[in-house]
Every structure is written in structure tokens, then in C-alpha cells.
Amino acid sequence: MTIRELYDYALIEVNKVESESLLLEDFNYFVNKAVQQYINKVYNRYDINQQSSDDLRVLKATATLFPIKEIISNSTSGNKKFIYRVDLPDDYMHILNCIVEYEVHGNYKCYADGDHVDFAAKRLTADMAAGIINNVYMRPEYKRPYFYINNVNGLEYDGATNVPTDAAT
């Protein structure tokens, strides 16, 4: 069934129930909304079964993101904390998984200078952030990275104070 046939059938049903006419713009809106709702529903159960994985296969893409700006803050203990910020692709909908790749500078533990090391990052949600940061066994480390999606569109960070400033000014 094509979109055109779907539109024709919708018009027939609208005429049957003697409803208001369905404009093409309204039809496009409702079809796109239905597609987005289906994608969200399947995403919530992704990798549970083969069918849900197959349904999203056509929408999957791999993107390599590079940190734009590094925000450093010193804690009271003298340890530095790092936050890396990236711009997501324009066609971003959901992140299915995230892999962090490090480049080793200098010899560290069993890693040689220049090695590339990959670690799977876990998604950090707002409700588990406080528990993870205060838990010594789960706090973020190089081998246990987390990612958090925060929408800061239109904001840029001031390099001196690390405070968001309005990009329009």
C-alpha cells in the first residue's frame, strides 16, 4: 500500500462518518506522527527480539562524534573532572549504543603509547546520576564511561567560567 492509497482510504472513511474534510497537510502530520510513535515504541523494546531489531535496521546509522569543547572543573579534593560535549547529527533520533575510544598518551598500566582503547558507555539517566556519582564502585572512570543527553541548543560555553552563555549575544 502506498501513501497515496492510504490517503484515499482515509478520505473515504472521513466521508462515511460525515466528518470534516481531511486536508493534505493534516494527513501528512498524522502519518508522520504515527511513524514517530511506532519508532519510539519499537525503540523501547529494541533488541528484545529479532523482529524489533529488524524494524529499526533501516533507520540505523553509525556516527563518529568528536568532542567540541572540554569543560574542566576542579573538585574540592583536587581531582579534575572532565566533561566532553559533542553536537549530535541532524538526523539523530535515538542512541542505541555508545562506544568511547581513547588514545593513550604515554605508557599507562598495560597500554602502550599511541594505543587506541574502546569501552562501551552506559546511558546515564537523571534519576541514577546522584547514586552513581556517590558510589565508589560505579562512578565514572576511563574504563567505565557514561553518556548523558542534554539539549543545550543555542547555548555556548564561556571557556573561562564554564557557564552557558546565549549564543545569540
N, C-alpha and C. Protein backbone atom coordinates (compact mmCIF):
# COMPACT_ATOMS: atom_id res chain seq x y z
N MET A 1 0.85 -1.18 0.00
CA MET A 1 0.00 0.00 0.00
C MET A 1 0.89 1.24 0.00
N THR A 2 0.56 2.16 -0.85
CA THR A 2 1.32 3.41 -0.94
C THR A 2 0.68 4.47 -0.05
N ILE A 3 1.39 5.56 0.15
CA ILE A 3 0.85 6.68 0.93
C ILE A 3 -0.37 7.27 0.24
N ARG A 4 -0.33 7.31 -1.09
CA ARG A 4 -1.46 7.86 -1.85
C ARG A 4 -2.72 7.01 -1.61
N GLU A 5 -2.57 5.69 -1.65
CA GLU A 5 -3.72 4.82 -1.39
C GLU A 5 -4.22 4.99 0.04
N LEU A 6 -3.30 5.15 0.98
CA LEU A 6 -3.68 5.37 2.37
C LEU A 6 -4.48 6.66 2.51
N TYR A 7 -4.06 7.70 1.81
CA TYR A 7 -4.78 8.98 1.84
C TYR A 7 -6.18 8.83 1.24
N ASP A 8 -6.29 8.11 0.13
CA ASP A 8 -7.60 7.89 -0.49
C ASP A 8 -8.53 7.13 0.45
N TYR A 9 -8.03 6.09 1.10
CA TYR A 9 -8.84 5.32 2.04
C TYR A 9 -9.26 6.17 3.23
N ALA A 10 -8.36 7.03 3.69
CA ALA A 10 -8.70 7.92 4.81
C ALA A 10 -9.81 8.88 4.40
N LEU A 11 -9.77 9.39 3.18
CA LEU A 11 -10.84 10.28 2.69
C LEU A 11 -12.17 9.55 2.60
N ILE A 12 -12.14 8.30 2.18
CA ILE A 12 -13.37 7.51 2.10
C ILE A 12 -13.97 7.34 3.50
N GLU A 13 -13.12 7.02 4.48
CA GLU A 13 -13.61 6.85 5.85
C GLU A 13 -14.14 8.16 6.42
N VAL A 14 -13.49 9.28 6.11
CA VAL A 14 -13.96 10.59 6.58
C VAL A 14 -15.33 10.88 5.99
N ASN A 15 -15.55 10.55 4.71
CA ASN A 15 -16.85 10.77 4.08
C ASN A 15 -17.93 9.87 4.68
N LYS A 16 -17.57 8.65 5.06
CA LYS A 16 -18.54 7.71 5.64
C LYS A 16 -19.10 8.24 6.95
N VAL A 17 -18.24 8.78 7.78
CA VAL A 17 -18.69 9.26 9.09
C VAL A 17 -19.12 10.71 9.05
N GLU A 18 -19.13 11.30 7.87
CA GLU A 18 -19.55 12.68 7.65
C GLU A 18 -18.79 13.64 8.56
N SER A 19 -17.51 13.45 8.60
CA SER A 19 -16.63 14.30 9.40
C SER A 19 -16.14 15.46 8.54
N GLU A 20 -15.42 16.39 9.17
CA GLU A 20 -14.83 17.49 8.41
C GLU A 20 -13.82 16.93 7.41
N SER A 21 -13.54 17.69 6.38
CA SER A 21 -12.61 17.22 5.36
C SER A 21 -11.20 17.12 5.95
N LEU A 22 -10.45 16.20 5.42
CA LEU A 22 -9.08 15.97 5.87
C LEU A 22 -8.14 16.60 4.85
N LEU A 23 -7.50 17.66 5.26
CA LEU A 23 -6.57 18.35 4.37
C LEU A 23 -5.29 17.53 4.23
N LEU A 24 -4.60 17.73 3.12
CA LEU A 24 -3.36 17.00 2.88
C LEU A 24 -2.33 17.30 3.96
N GLU A 25 -2.25 18.56 4.43
CA GLU A 25 -1.28 18.92 5.47
C GLU A 25 -1.58 18.18 6.77
N ASP A 26 -2.88 18.06 7.11
CA ASP A 26 -3.26 17.33 8.32
C ASP A 26 -2.93 15.85 8.18
N PHE A 27 -3.20 15.30 6.99
CA PHE A 27 -2.89 13.90 6.74
C PHE A 27 -1.39 13.64 6.90
N ASN A 28 -0.56 14.49 6.31
CA ASN A 28 0.90 14.34 6.43
C ASN A 28 1.34 14.42 7.89
N TYR A 29 0.75 15.34 8.63
CA TYR A 29 1.09 15.48 10.04
C TYR A 29 0.78 14.19 10.80
N PHE A 30 -0.43 13.66 10.61
CA PHE A 30 -0.83 12.46 11.35
C PHE A 30 -0.04 11.23 10.92
N VAL A 31 0.29 11.11 9.65
CA VAL A 31 1.10 9.98 9.20
C VAL A 31 2.50 10.06 9.81
N ASN A 32 3.12 11.24 9.76
CA ASN A 32 4.46 11.39 10.36
C ASN A 32 4.43 11.16 11.86
N LYS A 33 3.37 11.60 12.51
CA LYS A 33 3.24 11.38 13.96
C LYS A 33 3.11 9.89 14.26
N ALA A 34 2.33 9.18 13.45
CA ALA A 34 2.17 7.74 13.65
C ALA A 34 3.49 7.00 13.44
N VAL A 35 4.24 7.39 12.42
CA VAL A 35 5.55 6.76 12.17
C VAL A 35 6.48 7.02 13.36
N GLN A 36 6.51 8.24 13.87
CA GLN A 36 7.38 8.57 15.01
C GLN A 36 6.97 7.79 16.26
N GLN A 37 5.68 7.65 16.51
CA GLN A 37 5.21 6.88 17.65
C GLN A 37 5.59 5.41 17.52
N TYR A 38 5.51 4.87 16.31
CA TYR A 38 5.90 3.48 16.10
C TYR A 38 7.40 3.29 16.34
N ILE A 39 8.19 4.23 15.85
CA ILE A 39 9.65 4.15 16.05
C ILE A 39 9.97 4.19 17.54
N ASN A 40 9.33 5.07 18.27
CA ASN A 40 9.57 5.17 19.72
C ASN A 40 9.16 3.89 20.44
N LYS A 41 8.03 3.31 20.03
CA LYS A 41 7.57 2.07 20.66
C LYS A 41 8.55 0.93 20.41
N VAL A 42 9.01 0.81 19.18
CA VAL A 42 9.96 -0.25 18.85
C VAL A 42 11.30 0.00 19.52
N TYR A 43 11.73 1.26 19.60
CA TYR A 43 13.00 1.59 20.26
C TYR A 43 12.98 1.17 21.73
N ASN A 44 11.84 1.32 22.38
CA ASN A 44 11.75 0.95 23.80
C ASN A 44 11.92 -0.54 24.02
N ARG A 45 11.66 -1.34 23.02
CA ARG A 45 11.86 -2.78 23.17
C ARG A 45 12.94 -3.30 22.23
N TYR A 46 13.85 -2.43 21.81
CA TYR A 46 14.91 -2.80 20.87
C TYR A 46 15.78 -3.92 21.45
N ASP A 47 16.15 -4.84 20.63
CA ASP A 47 17.00 -5.98 20.96
C ASP A 47 16.32 -7.00 21.87
N ILE A 48 15.02 -6.87 22.12
CA ILE A 48 14.32 -7.89 22.88
C ILE A 48 14.08 -9.11 21.99
N ASN A 49 13.72 -8.84 20.75
CA ASN A 49 13.53 -9.94 19.80
C ASN A 49 14.02 -9.51 18.43
N GLN A 50 14.12 -10.46 17.53
CA GLN A 50 14.65 -10.20 16.20
C GLN A 50 13.76 -9.26 15.40
N GLN A 51 12.43 -9.36 15.59
CA GLN A 51 11.50 -8.53 14.83
C GLN A 51 11.72 -7.04 15.13
N SER A 52 11.87 -6.69 16.41
CA SER A 52 12.07 -5.27 16.74
C SER A 52 13.41 -4.76 16.21
N SER A 53 14.43 -5.60 16.21
CA SER A 53 15.72 -5.20 15.65
C SER A 53 15.62 -5.00 14.15
N ASP A 54 14.87 -5.89 13.47
CA ASP A 54 14.70 -5.76 12.02
C ASP A 54 13.89 -4.52 11.65
N ASP A 55 12.91 -4.17 12.48
CA ASP A 55 12.08 -3.00 12.19
C ASP A 55 12.90 -1.71 12.20
N LEU A 56 13.91 -1.65 13.05
CA LEU A 56 14.72 -0.43 13.14
C LEU A 56 15.99 -0.48 12.30
N ARG A 57 16.26 -1.60 11.68
CA ARG A 57 17.50 -1.74 10.91
C ARG A 57 17.63 -0.68 9.82
N VAL A 58 16.53 -0.34 9.16
CA VAL A 58 16.61 0.64 8.07
C VAL A 58 16.89 2.05 8.59
N LEU A 59 16.67 2.29 9.87
CA LEU A 59 16.89 3.62 10.44
C LEU A 59 18.25 3.75 11.12
N LYS A 60 18.97 2.64 11.24
CA LYS A 60 20.24 2.67 11.95
C LYS A 60 21.33 3.30 11.11
N ALA A 61 22.17 4.06 11.77
CA ALA A 61 23.34 4.65 11.14
C ALA A 61 24.42 4.77 12.21
N THR A 62 25.64 4.76 11.78
CA THR A 62 26.77 4.92 12.69
C THR A 62 27.35 6.30 12.49
N ALA A 63 27.62 6.96 13.58
CA ALA A 63 28.20 8.30 13.52
C ALA A 63 29.41 8.35 14.44
N THR A 64 30.48 8.94 13.95
CA THR A 64 31.66 9.18 14.78
C THR A 64 31.62 10.63 15.21
N LEU A 65 31.59 10.85 16.50
CA LEU A 65 31.48 12.20 17.05
C LEU A 65 32.77 12.54 17.77
N PHE A 66 33.25 13.75 17.54
CA PHE A 66 34.47 14.21 18.18
C PHE A 66 34.12 15.30 19.18
N PRO A 67 34.77 15.31 20.33
CA PRO A 67 34.47 16.35 21.33
C PRO A 67 34.72 17.74 20.77
N ILE A 68 33.77 18.64 21.01
CA ILE A 68 33.89 20.02 20.57
C ILE A 68 34.66 20.85 21.58
N LYS A 69 34.28 20.70 22.82
CA LYS A 69 34.88 21.52 23.85
C LYS A 69 35.01 20.69 25.11
N GLU A 70 36.09 20.88 25.81
CA GLU A 70 36.33 20.16 27.05
C GLU A 70 36.07 21.13 28.18
N ILE A 71 35.23 20.75 29.12
CA ILE A 71 34.91 21.60 30.26
C ILE A 71 35.55 20.96 31.48
N ILE A 72 36.43 21.69 32.12
CA ILE A 72 37.17 21.14 33.26
C ILE A 72 36.78 21.91 34.51
N SER A 73 36.49 21.18 35.57
CA SER A 73 36.23 21.82 36.86
C SER A 73 37.04 21.08 37.92
N ASN A 74 37.54 21.80 38.89
CA ASN A 74 38.29 21.20 39.98
C ASN A 74 37.36 20.94 41.15
N SER A 75 37.42 19.76 41.68
CA SER A 75 36.62 19.45 42.86
C SER A 75 37.41 19.85 44.10
N THR A 76 36.80 19.77 45.25
CA THR A 76 37.47 20.16 46.49
C THR A 76 38.62 19.22 46.83
N SER A 77 38.59 18.00 46.32
CA SER A 77 39.66 17.04 46.61
C SER A 77 40.88 17.24 45.73
N GLY A 78 40.80 18.18 44.78
CA GLY A 78 41.94 18.43 43.91
C GLY A 78 41.92 17.62 42.63
N ASN A 79 40.98 16.68 42.51
CA ASN A 79 40.86 15.90 41.28
C ASN A 79 40.16 16.71 40.21
N LYS A 80 40.61 16.56 38.98
CA LYS A 80 39.96 17.23 37.86
C LYS A 80 38.83 16.37 37.34
N LYS A 81 37.74 17.04 36.95
CA LYS A 81 36.61 16.35 36.35
C LYS A 81 36.49 16.85 34.91
N PHE A 82 36.26 15.92 34.00
CA PHE A 82 36.19 16.26 32.59
C PHE A 82 34.80 15.98 32.06
N ILE A 83 34.31 16.87 31.24
CA ILE A 83 33.06 16.68 30.52
C ILE A 83 33.33 17.01 29.06
N TYR A 84 32.98 16.11 28.19
CA TYR A 84 33.17 16.32 26.77
C TYR A 84 31.82 16.55 26.13
N ARG A 85 31.73 17.53 25.26
CA ARG A 85 30.47 17.91 24.63
C ARG A 85 30.59 17.71 23.12
N VAL A 86 29.55 17.14 22.52
CA VAL A 86 29.53 16.93 21.08
C VAL A 86 28.19 17.40 20.52
N ASP A 87 28.17 17.74 19.25
CA ASP A 87 26.93 18.02 18.54
C ASP A 87 26.45 16.73 17.91
N LEU A 88 25.18 16.39 18.15
CA LEU A 88 24.61 15.19 17.56
C LEU A 88 24.26 15.45 16.10
N PRO A 89 24.22 14.42 15.27
CA PRO A 89 23.88 14.61 13.85
C PRO A 89 22.47 15.19 13.69
N ASP A 90 22.22 15.82 12.57
CA ASP A 90 20.91 16.42 12.31
C ASP A 90 19.80 15.38 12.24
N ASP A 91 20.13 14.15 11.81
CA ASP A 91 19.12 13.11 11.70
C ASP A 91 19.05 12.22 12.94
N TYR A 92 19.56 12.70 14.08
CA TYR A 92 19.56 11.94 15.32
C TYR A 92 18.14 11.71 15.83
N MET A 93 17.85 10.49 16.23
CA MET A 93 16.56 10.17 16.86
C MET A 93 16.79 9.51 18.22
N HIS A 94 17.55 8.42 18.25
CA HIS A 94 17.83 7.70 19.48
C HIS A 94 19.25 7.14 19.40
N ILE A 95 19.88 6.99 20.54
CA ILE A 95 21.18 6.33 20.59
C ILE A 95 20.94 4.90 21.06
N LEU A 96 21.33 3.94 20.24
CA LEU A 96 21.17 2.55 20.61
C LEU A 96 22.34 2.08 21.47
N ASN A 97 23.53 2.53 21.14
CA ASN A 97 24.69 2.24 21.98
C ASN A 97 25.76 3.29 21.72
N CYS A 98 26.72 3.34 22.59
CA CYS A 98 27.77 4.34 22.51
C CYS A 98 29.09 3.69 22.89
N ILE A 99 30.10 3.90 22.07
CA ILE A 99 31.43 3.36 22.34
C ILE A 99 32.39 4.53 22.41
N VAL A 100 33.18 4.57 23.47
CA VAL A 100 34.15 5.63 23.67
C VAL A 100 35.52 5.09 23.31
N GLU A 101 36.22 5.81 22.43
CA GLU A 101 37.56 5.40 22.03
C GLU A 101 38.57 6.39 22.60
N TYR A 102 39.55 5.87 23.31
CA TYR A 102 40.60 6.68 23.89
C TYR A 102 41.90 6.45 23.12
N GLU A 103 42.71 7.48 23.05
CA GLU A 103 44.07 7.33 22.55
C GLU A 103 45.00 7.52 23.73
N VAL A 104 45.86 6.55 23.96
CA VAL A 104 46.74 6.56 25.12
C VAL A 104 47.94 7.45 24.83
N HIS A 105 48.22 8.37 25.73
CA HIS A 105 49.40 9.23 25.65
C HIS A 105 50.33 8.85 26.79
N GLY A 106 51.41 8.22 26.46
CA GLY A 106 52.33 7.72 27.49
C GLY A 106 51.93 6.32 27.90
N ASN A 107 52.82 5.59 28.50
CA ASN A 107 52.52 4.24 28.96
C ASN A 107 51.66 4.31 30.21
N TYR A 108 50.57 3.56 30.21
CA TYR A 108 49.66 3.52 31.35
C TYR A 108 49.18 2.10 31.53
N LYS A 109 49.46 1.54 32.70
CA LYS A 109 49.10 0.16 33.01
C LYS A 109 49.57 -0.75 31.88
N CYS A 110 48.67 -1.48 31.23
CA CYS A 110 49.08 -2.40 30.17
C CYS A 110 48.95 -1.77 28.79
N TYR A 111 48.73 -0.46 28.71
CA TYR A 111 48.56 0.21 27.43
C TYR A 111 49.85 0.92 27.05
N ALA A 112 50.21 0.79 25.78
CA ALA A 112 51.42 1.44 25.28
C ALA A 112 51.06 2.80 24.70
N ASP A 113 52.03 3.66 24.55
CA ASP A 113 51.82 4.99 24.00
C ASP A 113 51.30 4.86 22.56
N GLY A 114 50.20 5.56 22.26
CA GLY A 114 49.62 5.53 20.92
C GLY A 114 48.54 4.48 20.71
N ASP A 115 48.31 3.61 21.70
CA ASP A 115 47.24 2.60 21.57
C ASP A 115 45.87 3.28 21.54
N HIS A 116 44.94 2.62 20.85
CA HIS A 116 43.54 3.06 20.87
C HIS A 116 42.75 2.01 21.65
N VAL A 117 42.01 2.47 22.65
CA VAL A 117 41.27 1.58 23.54
C VAL A 117 39.79 1.94 23.47
N ASP A 118 38.93 0.94 23.31
CA ASP A 118 37.48 1.16 23.23
C ASP A 118 36.80 0.62 24.47
N PHE A 119 35.82 1.39 24.97
CA PHE A 119 34.99 0.95 26.09
C PHE A 119 33.54 1.31 25.76
N ALA A 120 32.63 0.41 26.13
CA ALA A 120 31.20 0.68 25.93
C ALA A 120 30.72 1.62 27.02
N ALA A 121 30.01 2.67 26.61
CA ALA A 121 29.48 3.64 27.56
C ALA A 121 28.04 3.29 27.89
N LYS A 122 27.67 3.49 29.14
CA LYS A 122 26.30 3.26 29.58
C LYS A 122 25.56 4.59 29.59
N ARG A 123 24.28 4.52 29.34
CA ARG A 123 23.48 5.75 29.37
C ARG A 123 23.23 6.14 30.82
N LEU A 124 23.48 7.39 31.12
CA LEU A 124 23.26 7.94 32.45
C LEU A 124 21.95 8.70 32.44
N THR A 125 21.00 8.25 33.24
CA THR A 125 19.73 8.95 33.34
C THR A 125 19.77 9.88 34.55
N ALA A 126 18.89 10.85 34.56
CA ALA A 126 18.88 11.84 35.63
C ALA A 126 18.62 11.21 36.99
N ASP A 127 17.78 10.18 37.05
CA ASP A 127 17.46 9.58 38.34
C ASP A 127 18.59 8.72 38.91
N MET A 128 19.48 8.21 38.08
CA MET A 128 20.57 7.40 38.60
C MET A 128 21.88 8.17 38.73
N ALA A 129 21.92 9.42 38.29
CA ALA A 129 23.17 10.19 38.30
C ALA A 129 23.71 10.38 39.72
N ALA A 130 22.88 10.78 40.66
CA ALA A 130 23.36 11.02 42.03
C ALA A 130 23.87 9.74 42.67
N GLY A 131 23.18 8.64 42.46
CA GLY A 131 23.61 7.37 43.04
C GLY A 131 24.93 6.88 42.47
N ILE A 132 25.16 7.10 41.20
CA ILE A 132 26.40 6.65 40.56
C ILE A 132 27.58 7.52 40.99
N ILE A 133 27.36 8.81 41.06
CA ILE A 133 28.47 9.71 41.40
C ILE A 133 28.94 9.47 42.83
N ASN A 134 28.03 9.12 43.73
CA ASN A 134 28.39 8.90 45.13
C ASN A 134 28.81 7.46 45.42
N ASN A 135 28.72 6.58 44.45
CA ASN A 135 29.07 5.18 44.64
C ASN A 135 30.47 4.95 44.09
N VAL A 136 31.40 4.58 44.94
CA VAL A 136 32.80 4.43 44.54
C VAL A 136 32.97 3.30 43.51
N TYR A 137 32.09 2.30 43.51
CA TYR A 137 32.22 1.19 42.58
C TYR A 137 31.59 1.47 41.22
N MET A 138 30.75 2.49 41.14
CA MET A 138 30.06 2.77 39.88
C MET A 138 30.38 4.14 39.30
N ARG A 139 31.17 4.94 39.97
CA ARG A 139 31.44 6.29 39.47
C ARG A 139 32.20 6.22 38.14
N PRO A 140 32.05 7.24 37.32
CA PRO A 140 32.69 7.21 36.00
C PRO A 140 34.21 7.14 36.08
N GLU A 141 34.77 6.31 35.24
CA GLU A 141 36.22 6.18 35.07
C GLU A 141 36.48 6.03 33.58
N TYR A 142 37.76 5.99 33.22
CA TYR A 142 38.08 5.82 31.80
C TYR A 142 37.55 4.48 31.29
N LYS A 143 37.56 3.45 32.12
CA LYS A 143 37.09 2.13 31.68
C LYS A 143 35.60 1.91 31.96
N ARG A 144 34.95 2.89 32.59
CA ARG A 144 33.51 2.82 32.85
C ARG A 144 32.87 4.16 32.50
N PRO A 145 32.81 4.49 31.20
CA PRO A 145 32.25 5.79 30.81
C PRO A 145 30.72 5.76 30.78
N TYR A 146 30.14 6.92 30.95
CA TYR A 146 28.70 7.11 30.84
C TYR A 146 28.44 8.21 29.83
N PHE A 147 27.25 8.18 29.22
CA PHE A 147 26.86 9.30 28.37
C PHE A 147 25.49 9.80 28.83
N TYR A 148 25.32 11.11 28.73
CA TYR A 148 24.08 11.77 29.15
C TYR A 148 23.69 12.74 28.05
N ILE A 149 22.46 12.66 27.59
CA ILE A 149 22.00 13.53 26.52
C ILE A 149 21.31 14.73 27.15
N ASN A 150 21.88 15.89 26.89
CA ASN A 150 21.35 17.13 27.44
C ASN A 150 21.20 18.12 26.30
N ASN A 151 20.01 18.61 26.08
CA ASN A 151 19.74 19.52 24.98
C ASN A 151 20.15 20.93 25.39
N VAL A 152 21.21 21.43 24.77
CA VAL A 152 21.68 22.79 25.04
C VAL A 152 21.72 23.59 23.75
N ASN A 153 20.74 23.39 22.89
CA ASN A 153 20.69 24.11 21.62
C ASN A 153 20.68 25.61 21.87
N GLY A 154 21.50 26.33 21.13
CA GLY A 154 21.53 27.78 21.25
C GLY A 154 22.43 28.27 22.36
N LEU A 155 23.07 27.37 23.10
CA LEU A 155 23.94 27.80 24.18
C LEU A 155 25.38 27.48 23.83
N GLU A 156 26.27 28.35 24.18
CA GLU A 156 27.70 28.10 24.06
C GLU A 156 28.31 28.30 25.43
N TYR A 157 29.42 27.62 25.69
CA TYR A 157 30.06 27.73 26.98
C TYR A 157 31.18 28.75 26.94
N ASP A 158 31.22 29.57 27.97
CA ASP A 158 32.29 30.53 28.14
C ASP A 158 33.51 29.75 28.64
N GLY A 159 34.61 29.80 27.91
CA GLY A 159 35.79 29.00 28.26
C GLY A 159 36.39 29.33 29.60
N ALA A 160 36.23 30.55 30.08
CA ALA A 160 36.85 30.95 31.35
C ALA A 160 36.04 30.46 32.55
N THR A 161 34.72 30.59 32.49
CA THR A 161 33.92 30.27 33.66
C THR A 161 33.12 29.00 33.51
N ASN A 162 33.08 28.40 32.30
CA ASN A 162 32.29 27.19 32.03
C ASN A 162 30.81 27.39 32.31
N VAL A 163 30.34 28.61 32.15
CA VAL A 163 28.94 28.93 32.34
C VAL A 163 28.29 29.08 30.98
N PRO A 164 27.11 28.46 30.76
CA PRO A 164 26.47 28.62 29.45
C PRO A 164 26.11 30.08 29.19
N THR A 165 26.40 30.54 27.99
CA THR A 165 26.01 31.88 27.59
C THR A 165 25.15 31.78 26.35
N ASP A 166 24.29 32.72 26.14
CA ASP A 166 23.40 32.71 24.98
C ASP A 166 24.22 32.93 23.73
N ALA A 167 24.08 32.02 22.75
CA ALA A 167 24.89 32.10 21.52
C ALA A 167 24.47 33.29 20.66
N ALA A 168 23.27 33.80 20.84
CA ALA A 168 22.78 34.88 20.01
C ALA A 168 23.42 36.23 20.39
N THR A 169 23.95 36.35 21.59
CA THR A 169 24.53 37.61 22.03
C THR A 169 25.98 37.72 21.66
